[in-house]
Amino acid sequence: MGYALGNNTDLNVSWRYLGLAYNNGSNRDTGFNTNMNGVELGLKLFF
């Protein structure tokens, strides 16, 4: 979602998700598994 604060400024809010899994196929799980998510806030300035 974005909102223009003026002619040269933009405010962005978004949700980001990253999932990563790894497994080498053995009986014992020696790979890794991670899931990250959260709010991302950004400010754009146009010159």
PDB file of N, CA and C in Angstrom:
ATOM      1  N   MET A   1       0.852  -1.154   0.000  1.00  0.00           N
ATOM      2  CA  MET A   1       0.000   0.000   0.000  1.00  0.00           C
ATOM      3  C   MET A   1       0.904   1.224   0.000  1.00  0.00           C
ATOM      4  N   GLY A   2       0.587   2.156  -0.810  1.00  0.00           N
ATOM      5  CA  GLY A   2       1.384   3.370  -0.907  1.00  0.00           C
ATOM      6  C   GLY A   2       0.513   4.606  -0.781  1.00  0.00           C
ATOM      7  N   TYR A   3       1.116   5.679  -0.293  1.00  0.00           N
ATOM      8  CA  TYR A   3       0.394   6.937  -0.118  1.00  0.00           C
ATOM      9  C   TYR A   3       1.324   8.082  -0.500  1.00  0.00           C
ATOM     10  N   ALA A   4       0.845   8.944  -1.381  1.00  0.00           N
ATOM     11  CA  ALA A   4       1.631  10.094  -1.800  1.00  0.00           C
ATOM     12  C   ALA A   4       1.501  11.199  -0.750  1.00  0.00           C
ATOM     13  N   LEU A   5       2.629  11.646  -0.219  1.00  0.00           N
ATOM     14  CA  LEU A   5       2.630  12.706   0.786  1.00  0.00           C
ATOM     15  C   LEU A   5       2.800  14.084   0.160  1.00  0.00           C
ATOM     16  N   GLY A   6       3.031  14.126  -1.103  1.00  0.00           N
ATOM     17  CA  GLY A   6       3.231  15.375  -1.827  1.00  0.00           C
ATOM     18  C   GLY A   6       3.628  15.044  -3.249  1.00  0.00           C
ATOM     19  N   ASN A   7       4.188  16.028  -3.955  1.00  0.00           N
ATOM     20  CA  ASN A   7       4.615  15.798  -5.331  1.00  0.00           C
ATOM     21  C   ASN A   7       5.894  14.978  -5.425  1.00  0.00           C
ATOM     22  N   ASN A   8       6.703  14.957  -4.369  1.00  0.00           N
ATOM     23  CA  ASN A   8       7.986  14.266  -4.455  1.00  0.00           C
ATOM     24  C   ASN A   8       8.237  13.288  -3.304  1.00  0.00           C
ATOM     25  N   THR A   9       7.223  12.896  -2.552  1.00  0.00           N
ATOM     26  CA  THR A   9       7.402  11.983  -1.417  1.00  0.00           C
ATOM     27  C   THR A   9       6.310  10.921  -1.436  1.00  0.00           C
ATOM     28  N   ASP A  10       6.701   9.682  -1.182  1.00  0.00           N
ATOM     29  CA  ASP A  10       5.778   8.554  -1.194  1.00  0.00           C
ATOM     30  C   ASP A  10       6.065   7.671   0.023  1.00  0.00           C
ATOM     31  N   LEU A  11       5.026   7.251   0.732  1.00  0.00           N
ATOM     32  CA  LEU A  11       5.142   6.387   1.894  1.00  0.00           C
ATOM     33  C   LEU A  11       4.573   5.019   1.535  1.00  0.00           C
ATOM     34  N   ASN A  12       5.341   3.942   1.778  1.00  0.00           N
ATOM     35  CA  ASN A  12       4.926   2.580   1.433  1.00  0.00           C
ATOM     36  C   ASN A  12       4.912   1.712   2.681  1.00  0.00           C
ATOM     37  N   VAL A  13       3.847   0.910   2.819  1.00  0.00           N
ATOM     38  CA  VAL A  13       3.734  -0.080   3.889  1.00  0.00           C
ATOM     39  C   VAL A  13       3.398  -1.406   3.225  1.00  0.00           C
ATOM     40  N   SER A  14       4.137  -2.471   3.583  1.00  0.00           N
ATOM     41  CA  SER A  14       3.890  -3.773   2.968  1.00  0.00           C
ATOM     42  C   SER A  14       4.201  -4.874   3.974  1.00  0.00           C
ATOM     43  N   TRP A  15       3.756  -6.068   3.636  1.00  0.00           N
ATOM     44  CA  TRP A  15       4.024  -7.268   4.428  1.00  0.00           C
ATOM     45  C   TRP A  15       4.953  -8.150   3.620  1.00  0.00           C
ATOM     46  N   ARG A  16       6.040  -8.610   4.214  1.00  0.00           N
ATOM     47  CA  ARG A  16       7.007  -9.436   3.507  1.00  0.00           C
ATOM     48  C   ARG A  16       7.143 -10.779   4.216  1.00  0.00           C
ATOM     49  N   TYR A  17       7.190 -11.850   3.423  1.00  0.00           N
ATOM     50  CA  TYR A  17       7.354 -13.204   3.946  1.00  0.00           C
ATOM     51  C   TYR A  17       8.498 -13.881   3.216  1.00  0.00           C
ATOM     52  N   LEU A  18       9.381 -14.539   3.956  1.00  0.00           N
ATOM     53  CA  LEU A  18      10.482 -15.291   3.373  1.00  0.00           C
ATOM     54  C   LEU A  18      10.540 -16.647   4.041  1.00  0.00           C
ATOM     55  N   GLY A  19      10.456 -17.709   3.274  1.00  0.00           N
ATOM     56  CA  GLY A  19      10.576 -19.067   3.785  1.00  0.00           C
ATOM     57  C   GLY A  19      11.707 -19.775   3.073  1.00  0.00           C
ATOM     58  N   LEU A  20      12.538 -20.465   3.802  1.00  0.00           N
ATOM     59  CA  LEU A  20      13.675 -21.168   3.232  1.00  0.00           C
ATOM     60  C   LEU A  20      13.796 -22.513   3.915  1.00  0.00           C
ATOM     61  N   ALA A  21      13.897 -23.572   3.160  1.00  0.00           N
ATOM     62  CA  ALA A  21      14.034 -24.915   3.726  1.00  0.00           C
ATOM     63  C   ALA A  21      15.140 -25.654   2.988  1.00  0.00           C
ATOM     64  N   TYR A  22      15.891 -26.462   3.701  1.00  0.00           N
ATOM     65  CA  TYR A  22      16.953 -27.257   3.105  1.00  0.00           C
ATOM     66  C   TYR A  22      16.998 -28.596   3.820  1.00  0.00           C
ATOM     67  N   ASN A  23      17.137 -29.669   3.077  1.00  0.00           N
ATOM     68  CA  ASN A  23      17.266 -30.995   3.644  1.00  0.00           C
ATOM     69  C   ASN A  23      18.148 -31.797   2.706  1.00  0.00           C
ATOM     70  N   ASN A  24      19.162 -32.469   3.237  1.00  0.00           N
ATOM     71  CA  ASN A  24      20.083 -33.206   2.373  1.00  0.00           C
ATOM     72  C   ASN A  24      19.607 -34.616   2.070  1.00  0.00           C
ATOM     73  N   GLY A  25      18.434 -35.029   2.558  1.00  0.00           N
ATOM     74  CA  GLY A  25      17.876 -36.328   2.207  1.00  0.00           C
ATOM     75  C   GLY A  25      18.244 -37.454   3.150  1.00  0.00           C
ATOM     76  N   SER A  26      19.032 -37.206   4.175  1.00  0.00           N
ATOM     77  CA  SER A  26      19.406 -38.271   5.110  1.00  0.00           C
ATOM     78  C   SER A  26      18.305 -38.458   6.155  1.00  0.00           C
ATOM     79  N   ASN A  27      18.426 -39.512   6.936  1.00  0.00           N
ATOM     80  CA  ASN A  27      17.437 -39.762   7.992  1.00  0.00           C
ATOM     81  C   ASN A  27      17.495 -38.689   9.077  1.00  0.00           C
ATOM     82  N   ARG A  28      18.680 -38.258   9.404  1.00  0.00           N
ATOM     83  CA  ARG A  28      18.835 -37.196  10.387  1.00  0.00           C
ATOM     84  C   ARG A  28      18.718 -35.852   9.680  1.00  0.00           C
ATOM     85  N   ASP A  29      17.924 -34.962  10.214  1.00  0.00           N
ATOM     86  CA  ASP A  29      17.717 -33.659   9.586  1.00  0.00           C
ATOM     87  C   ASP A  29      18.910 -32.754   9.867  1.00  0.00           C
ATOM     88  N   THR A  30      19.818 -32.638   8.900  1.00  0.00           N
ATOM     89  CA  THR A  30      20.981 -31.777   9.066  1.00  0.00           C
ATOM     90  C   THR A  30      20.836 -30.480   8.285  1.00  0.00           C
ATOM     91  N   GLY A  31      19.708 -30.299   7.629  1.00  0.00           N
ATOM     92  CA  GLY A  31      19.461 -29.073   6.891  1.00  0.00           C
ATOM     93  C   GLY A  31      18.922 -27.992   7.804  1.00  0.00           C
ATOM     94  N   PHE A  32      18.498 -26.920   7.227  1.00  0.00           N
ATOM     95  CA  PHE A  32      17.946 -25.841   8.026  1.00  0.00           C
ATOM     96  C   PHE A  32      16.598 -25.438   7.472  1.00  0.00           C
ATOM     97  N   ASN A  33      15.807 -24.805   8.308  1.00  0.00           N
ATOM     98  CA  ASN A  33      14.466 -24.368   7.956  1.00  0.00           C
ATOM     99  C   ASN A  33      14.219 -23.049   8.664  1.00  0.00           C
ATOM    100  N   THR A  34      13.827 -22.021   7.921  1.00  0.00           N
ATOM    101  CA  THR A  34      13.567 -20.730   8.536  1.00  0.00           C
ATOM    102  C   THR A  34      12.366 -20.081   7.853  1.00  0.00           C
ATOM    103  N   ASN A  35      11.603 -19.366   8.617  1.00  0.00           N
ATOM    104  CA  ASN A  35      10.481 -18.578   8.116  1.00  0.00           C
ATOM    105  C   ASN A  35      10.544 -17.217   8.778  1.00  0.00           C
ATOM    106  N   MET A  36      10.560 -16.168   7.970  1.00  0.00           N
ATOM    107  CA  MET A  36      10.600 -14.809   8.501  1.00  0.00           C
ATOM    108  C   MET A  36       9.470 -14.019   7.856  1.00  0.00           C
ATOM    109  N   ASN A  37       8.787 -13.227   8.638  1.00  0.00           N
ATOM    110  CA  ASN A  37       7.769 -12.355   8.091  1.00  0.00           C
ATOM    111  C   ASN A  37       7.633 -11.124   8.965  1.00  0.00           C
ATOM    112  N   GLY A  38       7.082 -10.077   8.376  1.00  0.00           N
ATOM    113  CA  GLY A  38       6.895  -8.853   9.145  1.00  0.00           C
ATOM    114  C   GLY A  38       6.515  -7.688   8.258  1.00  0.00           C
ATOM    115  N   VAL A  39       6.285  -6.577   8.907  1.00  0.00           N
ATOM    116  CA  VAL A  39       5.878  -5.344   8.239  1.00  0.00           C
ATOM    117  C   VAL A  39       7.121  -4.620   7.731  1.00  0.00           C
ATOM    118  N   GLU A  40       6.998  -4.062   6.539  1.00  0.00           N
ATOM    119  CA  GLU A  40       8.078  -3.284   5.948  1.00  0.00           C
ATOM    120  C   GLU A  40       7.551  -1.885   5.675  1.00  0.00           C
ATOM    121  N   LEU A  41       8.299  -0.892   6.099  1.00  0.00           N
ATOM    122  CA  LEU A  41       7.906   0.506   5.937  1.00  0.00           C
ATOM    123  C   LEU A  41       8.971   1.211   5.106  1.00  0.00           C
ATOM    124  N   GLY A  42       8.532   1.962   4.101  1.00  0.00           N
ATOM    125  CA  GLY A  42       9.489   2.635   3.233  1.00  0.00           C
ATOM    126  C   GLY A  42       9.076   4.063   2.925  1.00  0.00           C
ATOM    127  N   LEU A  43      10.050   4.884   2.654  1.00  0.00           N
ATOM    128  CA  LEU A  43       9.828   6.281   2.283  1.00  0.00           C
ATOM    129  C   LEU A  43      10.638   6.566   1.030  1.00  0.00           C
ATOM    130  N   LYS A  44       9.975   7.028  -0.020  1.00  0.00           N
ATOM    131  CA  LYS A  44      10.647   7.366  -1.281  1.00  0.00           C
ATOM    132  C   LYS A  44      10.644   8.873  -1.466  1.00  0.00           C
ATOM    133  N   LEU A  45      11.791   9.374  -1.821  1.00  0.00           N
ATOM    134  CA  LEU A  45      11.943  10.800  -2.138  1.00  0.00           C
ATOM    135  C   LEU A  45      12.334  10.905  -3.607  1.00  0.00           C
ATOM    136  N   PHE A  46      11.597  11.655  -4.374  1.00  0.00           N
ATOM    137  CA  PHE A  46      11.861  11.849  -5.803  1.00  0.00           C
ATOM    138  C   PHE A  46      12.492  13.213  -6.010  1.00  0.00           C
ATOM    139  N   PHE A  47      13.635  13.223  -6.717  1.00  0.00           N
ATOM    140  CA  PHE A  47      14.345  14.474  -6.987  1.00  0.00           C
ATOM    141  C   PHE A  47      14.197  14.861  -8.428  1.00  0.00           C
TER     142      PHE A  47
END
